[in-house]
Amino acid sequence: MKKIEAIIKPHKLDEVRKALSDAGFYGLTATEVNGYGRQKGHAETYRGAEYKVEFLPKIKLEIATTDEHADRCIEVILASASTGIIGDGKIFVTKLNHVMRIRTQEVDDEAV
């Protein structure tokens, strides 16, 4: 089993969610987060004063899936989240050792 964490631009959330759903990935968690990468924020002007915004708003998606479906999930996220502009985000993939569905107590592949 794999846990896929994707950091994406906020305006891409609906597109990514729909693409994942259309591809058969129905469960995900989305969290509003702030951060920066190579772009290191940007400067904005507010009421004539310029200030630097170092942390940019992003959305963090978390998806648990089976090993055999992980590559397809990543492909869907890449295709739907990419704008080709700096700050598109990152995808992190980690191995899940154990998963349990609380309601039914199903474990591992059956739980995701």
C-alpha atoms as a PDB file:
ATOM      1  CA  MET A   1       0.000   0.000   0.000  1.00  0.00           C
ATOM      2  CA  LYS A   2       1.110   3.557  -0.672  1.00  0.00           C
ATOM      3  CA  LYS A   3       0.275   6.981   0.689  1.00  0.00           C
ATOM      4  CA  ILE A   4       0.419   9.688  -1.958  1.00  0.00           C
ATOM      5  CA  GLU A   5       0.712  13.269  -0.746  1.00  0.00           C
ATOM      6  CA  ALA A   6       0.360  15.968  -3.379  1.00  0.00           C
ATOM      7  CA  ILE A   7       0.917  19.677  -2.769  1.00  0.00           C
ATOM      8  CA  ILE A   8      -1.012  21.580  -5.446  1.00  0.00           C
ATOM      9  CA  LYS A   9      -2.209  25.079  -6.279  1.00  0.00           C
ATOM     10  CA  PRO A  10      -5.576  25.857  -4.639  1.00  0.00           C
ATOM     11  CA  HIS A  11      -7.364  26.663  -7.903  1.00  0.00           C
ATOM     12  CA  LYS A  12      -6.544  23.165  -9.229  1.00  0.00           C
ATOM     13  CA  LEU A  13      -8.322  21.315  -6.398  1.00  0.00           C
ATOM     14  CA  ASP A  14     -11.670  20.765  -8.133  1.00  0.00           C
ATOM     15  CA  GLU A  15     -10.002  19.665 -11.364  1.00  0.00           C
ATOM     16  CA  VAL A  16      -7.704  17.203  -9.573  1.00  0.00           C
ATOM     17  CA  ARG A  17     -10.525  15.852  -7.397  1.00  0.00           C
ATOM     18  CA  LYS A  18     -12.754  15.290 -10.426  1.00  0.00           C
ATOM     19  CA  ALA A  19      -9.950  13.610 -12.394  1.00  0.00           C
ATOM     20  CA  LEU A  20      -9.167  11.295  -9.467  1.00  0.00           C
ATOM     21  CA  SER A  21     -12.837  10.441  -9.034  1.00  0.00           C
ATOM     22  CA  ASP A  22     -13.233   9.747 -12.765  1.00  0.00           C
ATOM     23  CA  ALA A  23     -10.202   7.429 -12.557  1.00  0.00           C
ATOM     24  CA  GLY A  24     -11.744   5.450  -9.689  1.00  0.00           C
ATOM     25  CA  PHE A  25      -9.979   7.083  -6.726  1.00  0.00           C
ATOM     26  CA  TYR A  26     -12.834   8.089  -4.444  1.00  0.00           C
ATOM     27  CA  GLY A  27     -11.222   8.720  -1.071  1.00  0.00           C
ATOM     28  CA  LEU A  28      -8.906  11.618  -0.366  1.00  0.00           C
ATOM     29  CA  THR A  29      -8.179  14.166   2.301  1.00  0.00           C
ATOM     30  CA  ALA A  30      -7.564  17.813   1.377  1.00  0.00           C
ATOM     31  CA  THR A  31      -5.957  20.288   3.750  1.00  0.00           C
ATOM     32  CA  GLU A  32      -5.196  23.973   3.287  1.00  0.00           C
ATOM     33  CA  VAL A  33      -1.482  24.501   3.908  1.00  0.00           C
ATOM     34  CA  ASN A  34       1.092  27.252   3.402  1.00  0.00           C
ATOM     35  CA  GLY A  35       4.634  26.854   2.170  1.00  0.00           C
ATOM     36  CA  TYR A  36       7.259  27.714  -0.375  1.00  0.00           C
ATOM     37  CA  GLY A  37       9.776  26.032  -2.605  1.00  0.00           C
ATOM     38  CA  ARG A  38      12.184  27.431  -5.134  1.00  0.00           C
ATOM     39  CA  GLN A  39       9.932  30.401  -5.819  1.00  0.00           C
ATOM     40  CA  LYS A  40      10.414  31.583  -2.213  1.00  0.00           C
ATOM     41  CA  GLY A  41       7.218  33.610  -2.142  1.00  0.00           C
ATOM     42  CA  HIS A  42       6.583  36.875  -3.938  1.00  0.00           C
ATOM     43  CA  ALA A  43       6.182  40.622  -3.339  1.00  0.00           C
ATOM     44  CA  GLU A  44       2.765  42.244  -3.101  1.00  0.00           C
ATOM     45  CA  THR A  45       1.621  45.827  -2.723  1.00  0.00           C
ATOM     46  CA  TYR A  46      -1.093  46.703  -0.237  1.00  0.00           C
ATOM     47  CA  ARG A  47      -2.230  50.329   0.188  1.00  0.00           C
ATOM     48  CA  GLY A  48       0.956  51.576  -1.404  1.00  0.00           C
ATOM     49  CA  ALA A  49       3.301  49.540   0.772  1.00  0.00           C
ATOM     50  CA  GLU A  50       5.204  46.603  -0.670  1.00  0.00           C
ATOM     51  CA  TYR A  51       5.692  43.531   1.447  1.00  0.00           C
ATOM     52  CA  LYS A  52       7.019  40.048   0.850  1.00  0.00           C
ATOM     53  CA  VAL A  53       4.725  37.033   1.069  1.00  0.00           C
ATOM     54  CA  GLU A  54       7.014  34.141   1.944  1.00  0.00           C
ATOM     55  CA  PHE A  55       4.441  31.409   2.516  1.00  0.00           C
ATOM     56  CA  LEU A  56       2.071  30.747  -0.342  1.00  0.00           C
ATOM     57  CA  PRO A  57      -1.328  29.057   0.032  1.00  0.00           C
ATOM     58  CA  LYS A  58      -1.410  25.465  -1.239  1.00  0.00           C
ATOM     59  CA  ILE A  59      -3.631  22.407  -0.920  1.00  0.00           C
ATOM     60  CA  LYS A  60      -2.246  19.133   0.414  1.00  0.00           C
ATOM     61  CA  LEU A  61      -3.994  16.012  -0.857  1.00  0.00           C
ATOM     62  CA  GLU A  62      -3.527  12.664   0.869  1.00  0.00           C
ATOM     63  CA  ILE A  63      -4.582   9.475  -0.893  1.00  0.00           C
ATOM     64  CA  ALA A  64      -4.094   5.907   0.323  1.00  0.00           C
ATOM     65  CA  THR A  65      -4.072   3.308  -2.447  1.00  0.00           C
ATOM     66  CA  THR A  66      -2.849  -0.154  -3.285  1.00  0.00           C
ATOM     67  CA  ASP A  67       0.618  -0.655  -4.738  1.00  0.00           C
ATOM     68  CA  GLU A  68      -0.765  -1.589  -8.150  1.00  0.00           C
ATOM     69  CA  HIS A  69      -2.890   1.597  -8.388  1.00  0.00           C
ATOM     70  CA  ALA A  70      -0.275   4.070  -7.100  1.00  0.00           C
ATOM     71  CA  ASP A  71       1.338   4.837 -10.476  1.00  0.00           C
ATOM     72  CA  ARG A  72      -2.058   5.525 -12.080  1.00  0.00           C
ATOM     73  CA  CYS A  73      -2.996   7.844  -9.215  1.00  0.00           C
ATOM     74  CA  ILE A  74       0.243   9.796  -9.680  1.00  0.00           C
ATOM     75  CA  GLU A  75      -0.342  10.054 -13.447  1.00  0.00           C
ATOM     76  CA  VAL A  76      -3.828  11.482 -12.866  1.00  0.00           C
ATOM     77  CA  ILE A  77      -2.534  14.075 -10.388  1.00  0.00           C
ATOM     78  CA  LEU A  78       0.301  15.110 -12.717  1.00  0.00           C
ATOM     79  CA  ALA A  79      -2.043  15.501 -15.683  1.00  0.00           C
ATOM     80  CA  SER A  80      -4.690  17.471 -13.817  1.00  0.00           C
ATOM     81  CA  ALA A  81      -2.562  19.630 -11.467  1.00  0.00           C
ATOM     82  CA  SER A  82       0.102  20.817 -13.903  1.00  0.00           C
ATOM     83  CA  THR A  83      -0.004  24.361 -15.249  1.00  0.00           C
ATOM     84  CA  GLY A  84       3.592  24.446 -16.465  1.00  0.00           C
ATOM     85  CA  ILE A  85       4.274  27.445 -14.236  1.00  0.00           C
ATOM     86  CA  ILE A  86       6.615  27.498 -11.245  1.00  0.00           C
ATOM     87  CA  GLY A  87       4.862  26.541  -8.022  1.00  0.00           C
ATOM     88  CA  ASP A  88       2.767  23.671  -9.411  1.00  0.00           C
ATOM     89  CA  GLY A  89       3.730  21.597  -6.381  1.00  0.00           C
ATOM     90  CA  LYS A  90       5.186  18.243  -5.424  1.00  0.00           C
ATOM     91  CA  ILE A  91       4.121  14.634  -5.024  1.00  0.00           C
ATOM     92  CA  PHE A  92       5.476  12.462  -2.217  1.00  0.00           C
ATOM     93  CA  VAL A  93       4.950   8.694  -2.117  1.00  0.00           C
ATOM     94  CA  THR A  94       5.496   6.653   1.032  1.00  0.00           C
ATOM     95  CA  LYS A  95       4.865   3.045   1.940  1.00  0.00           C
ATOM     96  CA  LEU A  96       2.010   2.308   4.325  1.00  0.00           C
ATOM     97  CA  ASN A  97       2.713  -0.523   6.726  1.00  0.00           C
ATOM     98  CA  HIS A  98      -0.811  -1.015   7.996  1.00  0.00           C
ATOM     99  CA  VAL A  99      -4.265   0.470   7.372  1.00  0.00           C
ATOM    100  CA  MET A 100      -7.525  -0.249   9.183  1.00  0.00           C
ATOM    101  CA  ARG A 101     -11.052   0.945   8.427  1.00  0.00           C
ATOM    102  CA  ILE A 102     -12.559   1.851  11.781  1.00  0.00           C
ATOM    103  CA  ARG A 103     -16.201   1.022  10.974  1.00  0.00           C
ATOM    104  CA  THR A 104     -15.686  -2.498   9.580  1.00  0.00           C
ATOM    105  CA  GLN A 105     -12.223  -3.256  10.930  1.00  0.00           C
ATOM    106  CA  GLU A 106     -11.090  -4.274   7.443  1.00  0.00           C
ATOM    107  CA  VAL A 107      -7.329  -4.123   7.109  1.00  0.00           C
ATOM    108  CA  ASP A 108      -4.757  -3.188   4.490  1.00  0.00           C
ATOM    109  CA  ASP A 109      -5.886  -3.434   0.815  1.00  0.00           C
ATOM    110  CA  GLU A 110      -9.523  -4.030   1.785  1.00  0.00           C
ATOM    111  CA  ALA A 111      -9.461  -0.895   3.956  1.00  0.00           C
ATOM    112  CA  VAL A 112      -8.392   1.421   1.164  1.00  0.00           C
END
